[in-house]
Protein backbone atom coordinates (compact mmCIF):
# COMPACT_ATOMS: atom_id res chain seq x y z
CA LYS A 1 5.47 -189.87 108.07
CA VAL A 2 3.68 -191.35 105.04
CA ASP A 3 4.56 -188.39 102.78
CA SER A 4 8.16 -188.46 103.94
CA ALA A 5 8.37 -192.23 103.35
CA ASN A 6 6.81 -191.92 99.87
CA LYS A 7 9.33 -189.21 98.95
CA GLU A 8 12.15 -191.47 100.08
CA ILE A 9 10.77 -194.25 97.89
CA ASP A 10 10.48 -191.90 94.89
CA ASN A 11 14.12 -190.91 95.33
CA LEU A 12 15.39 -194.48 95.10
CA GLN A 13 16.82 -194.46 91.56
CA ASN A 14 17.28 -198.20 91.10
CA LEU A 15 13.78 -199.41 91.94
CA THR A 16 11.40 -200.32 89.16
CA GLN A 17 8.10 -198.48 89.04
CA ALA A 18 6.36 -201.67 90.16
CA GLN A 19 8.69 -201.94 93.17
CA LYS A 20 8.02 -198.28 94.07
CA ASP A 21 4.27 -198.78 93.73
CA LYS A 22 4.39 -201.89 95.94
CA ALA A 23 6.42 -200.07 98.62
CA LYS A 24 3.98 -197.15 98.61
CA GLU A 25 1.07 -199.56 98.88
CA ASP A 26 2.79 -201.27 101.83
CA ILE A 27 3.34 -197.84 103.45
CA LYS A 28 -0.35 -196.98 102.98
CA ASN A 29 -1.38 -200.35 104.45
CA ALA A 30 0.96 -199.86 107.44
CA ALA A 31 -0.45 -196.36 107.99
CA ASP A 32 -4.05 -197.58 107.69
CA LYS A 33 -3.35 -200.42 110.15
CA ALA A 34 -1.71 -197.95 112.57
CA LYS A 35 -4.71 -195.57 112.35
CA GLU A 36 -7.09 -198.47 112.95
CA ASN A 37 -5.06 -199.54 116.00
CA ILE A 38 -5.04 -195.94 117.25
CA ASP A 39 -8.83 -195.72 116.81
CA ASN A 40 -9.22 -198.96 118.78
CA ALA A 41 -6.87 -197.90 121.58
CA ASN A 42 -8.46 -197.00 124.94
CA THR A 43 -5.45 -195.52 126.72
CA LEU A 44 -2.73 -193.03 125.98
CA GLU A 45 -0.21 -195.81 126.36
CA ASN A 46 -1.98 -197.95 123.75
CA ILE A 47 -2.32 -194.94 121.42
CA ASN A 48 1.41 -194.24 121.71
CA LYS A 49 2.19 -197.92 121.24
CA ALA A 50 -0.01 -198.12 118.10
CA GLU A 51 1.62 -194.96 116.73
CA GLY A 52 5.13 -196.31 117.42
CA THR A 53 4.32 -199.67 115.86
CA GLY A 54 2.89 -197.94 112.79
CA GLU A 55 5.90 -195.68 112.39
CA GLN A 56 8.21 -198.68 112.75
CA SER A 57 6.23 -200.59 110.13
CA ILE A 58 6.59 -197.66 107.72
CA THR A 59 10.33 -197.42 108.49
CA ASP A 60 10.66 -201.16 107.85
CA VAL A 61 9.02 -200.79 104.42
CA VAL A 62 11.37 -197.92 103.54
CA ASN A 63 14.38 -199.93 104.69
CA GLN A 64 13.29 -202.94 102.63
CA ALA A 65 12.90 -200.65 99.61
CA LYS A 66 16.39 -199.24 100.21
CA ASP A 67 17.77 -202.78 100.39
CA GLN A 68 16.03 -203.63 97.12
CA ASP A 69 17.40 -200.44 95.56
CA THR A 70 20.93 -201.45 96.56
CA LYS A 71 20.39 -204.97 95.22
CA ASN A 72 19.00 -203.62 91.92
CA LYS A 73 22.01 -201.30 91.57
CA ALA A 74 24.45 -204.14 92.18
CA GLU A 75 22.65 -206.28 89.58
CA LYS A 76 22.68 -203.40 87.09
CA ASP A 77 26.37 -202.71 87.73
CA LEU A 78 27.16 -206.39 87.23
CA GLN A 79 25.15 -206.52 84.00
CA ASP A 80 26.85 -203.35 82.75
CA ALA A 81 30.25 -204.86 83.55
CA LYS A 82 29.29 -208.03 81.65
CA ASN A 83 28.10 -206.06 78.61
CA ASN A 84 31.25 -203.92 78.60
CA ALA A 85 33.46 -206.99 78.95
CA LYS A 86 31.71 -208.75 76.07
CA ASN A 87 32.05 -205.67 73.85
CA THR A 88 35.74 -205.40 74.74
CA LEU A 89 36.27 -209.08 74.01
CA LYS A 90 34.42 -208.87 70.70
CA ALA A 91 36.60 -205.92 69.63
CA LYS A 92 39.71 -207.87 70.69
CA ALA A 93 38.64 -210.85 68.55
CA GLU A 94 37.92 -208.61 65.55
CA THR A 95 41.31 -206.93 65.88
CA ALA A 96 43.04 -210.32 66.09
CA ASN A 97 41.13 -211.63 63.06
CA ASN A 98 42.09 -208.55 61.03
CA ALA A 99 45.72 -208.96 62.07
CA ILE A 100 45.59 -212.62 61.04
CA ASP A 101 44.19 -211.66 57.64
CA ALA A 102 47.14 -209.31 57.17
CA LEU A 103 49.77 -212.00 57.81
CA GLN A 104 51.77 -212.84 54.68
CA GLY A 105 53.64 -215.92 55.84
CA VAL A 106 50.77 -218.41 56.23
CA ASP A 107 48.20 -219.72 53.81
CA GLN A 108 44.45 -219.22 54.09
CA SER A 109 43.76 -222.62 55.68
CA VAL A 110 46.12 -221.79 58.57
CA LYS A 111 44.48 -218.37 58.93
CA ASP A 112 41.02 -219.96 58.94
CA GLN A 113 42.07 -222.44 61.61
CA ALA A 114 43.45 -219.67 63.84
CA LYS A 115 40.31 -217.59 63.33
CA ALA A 116 38.17 -220.61 64.31
CA GLU A 117 40.26 -220.95 67.49
CA ILE A 118 39.71 -217.24 68.21
CA GLN A 119 35.96 -217.73 67.74
CA LYS A 120 36.07 -220.59 70.27
CA ALA A 121 38.03 -218.41 72.72
CA LEU A 122 35.48 -215.61 72.21
CA GLU A 123 32.55 -217.96 72.87
CA ALA A 124 34.23 -219.50 75.93
CA GLY A 125 35.02 -216.02 77.22
CA ASN A 126 31.42 -214.89 76.76
CA ILE A 127 30.16 -217.95 78.64
CA ALA A 128 32.61 -217.31 81.48
CA ILE A 129 31.53 -213.66 81.59
CA ASP A 130 27.84 -214.64 81.66
CA ASN A 131 28.48 -217.13 84.47
CA SER A 132 30.31 -214.55 86.59
CA THR A 133 28.49 -213.45 89.73
CA THR A 134 30.77 -210.56 90.72
CA ILE A 135 32.54 -207.76 88.85
CA PRO A 136 36.01 -209.15 89.76
CA GLU A 137 34.92 -212.50 88.25
CA VAL A 138 33.83 -210.66 85.10
CA ASN A 139 37.21 -208.93 84.90
CA LYS A 140 39.06 -212.23 85.38
CA ALA A 141 36.96 -213.94 82.70
CA LEU A 142 37.66 -211.06 80.30
CA ASN A 143 41.38 -211.11 81.07
CA ASP A 144 41.60 -214.89 80.60
CA ALA A 145 39.78 -214.72 77.26
CA GLN A 146 41.95 -211.83 76.04
CA ASN A 147 45.07 -213.81 76.96
CA ALA A 148 43.74 -216.83 75.07
CA ILE A 149 43.18 -214.69 71.97
CA ASP A 150 46.65 -213.15 72.32
CA ASN A 151 48.20 -216.60 72.58
CA ILE A 152 46.42 -217.77 69.43
CA TYR A 153 47.48 -214.67 67.49
CA ASN A 154 51.05 -214.76 68.81
CA GLY A 155 51.34 -218.39 67.73
CA ILE A 156 50.22 -217.79 64.15
CA ASP A 157 52.24 -214.55 63.96
CA LYS A 158 55.38 -216.49 64.97
CA THR A 159 54.59 -219.18 62.39
CA SER A 160 54.13 -216.50 59.74
CA LYS A 161 57.42 -214.80 60.60
CA ASP A 162 59.24 -218.14 60.75
CA ASN A 163 57.82 -219.11 57.35
CA ILE A 164 58.92 -215.81 55.82
CA ASN A 165 62.40 -216.07 57.36
CA ASN A 166 62.72 -219.69 56.21
CA ALA A 167 61.60 -218.70 52.71
CA LYS A 168 64.18 -215.89 52.69
CA ASP A 169 66.91 -218.24 53.89
CA LYS A 170 65.94 -220.83 51.28
CA ALA A 171 65.86 -218.23 48.53
CA LYS A 172 69.31 -216.94 49.54
CA GLN A 173 70.62 -220.51 49.66
CA ASP A 174 69.13 -221.18 46.23
CA ILE A 175 70.89 -218.07 44.89
CA ASP A 176 74.18 -219.12 46.53
CA ASN A 177 73.79 -222.60 45.02
CA LYS A 178 73.06 -221.08 41.61
CA VAL A 179 76.17 -218.87 41.93
CA ASP A 180 78.31 -221.91 42.90
CA SER A 181 76.88 -223.92 40.04
CA ALA A 182 77.46 -221.09 37.57
CA ASN A 183 81.03 -220.60 38.81
CA LYS A 184 81.76 -224.34 38.42
CA GLU A 185 80.31 -224.29 34.95
CA ILE A 186 82.52 -221.35 34.05
CA ASP A 187 85.57 -223.04 35.61
CA ASN A 188 84.90 -226.09 33.44
CA LEU A 189 84.99 -224.07 30.25
CA GLN A 190 88.43 -224.93 28.85
CA ASN A 191 88.69 -222.19 26.26
CA LEU A 192 88.31 -219.18 28.58
CA THR A 193 91.28 -217.26 29.86
CA GLN A 194 91.86 -216.83 33.55
């Protein structure tokens, strides 16, 4: 029973070595206590009872170790999800910042302001991810932060496009005005033929 229990403990992949060592020590102590109770028993009934109690104690230790293994795995999975979410969010922020740098219709101060807002969204997202206690909460925090970054980029992208379109419209209007002015000037020249 002890060897079988120790093998089960060794096969629990998510326990730390210290947790495995403690479980094995608890198994040994339960076995030693059971043997002592068996030695002190005077009847077959008491021997069987001591053996059953000892086996149950060993089973209880194994079950506690399995519970700890499951808990450790859940904690590891949650931490992995948090790390992956933070890496995804960081990449999203870097992509947005690069896209902002490439915009031609806004000046550097507007770009810097948008990039500062993205940094704030990144930091807020990381805090929300860190504070998450479940993987669905991590995913929601990531999604919310990505949406915030998208909204910031979409806003500055629209401003850039609007500025470029307005500049084009103004330039065309300036050309039209120049053409009108030139035509009027030519019309006012008295010595030209029609």
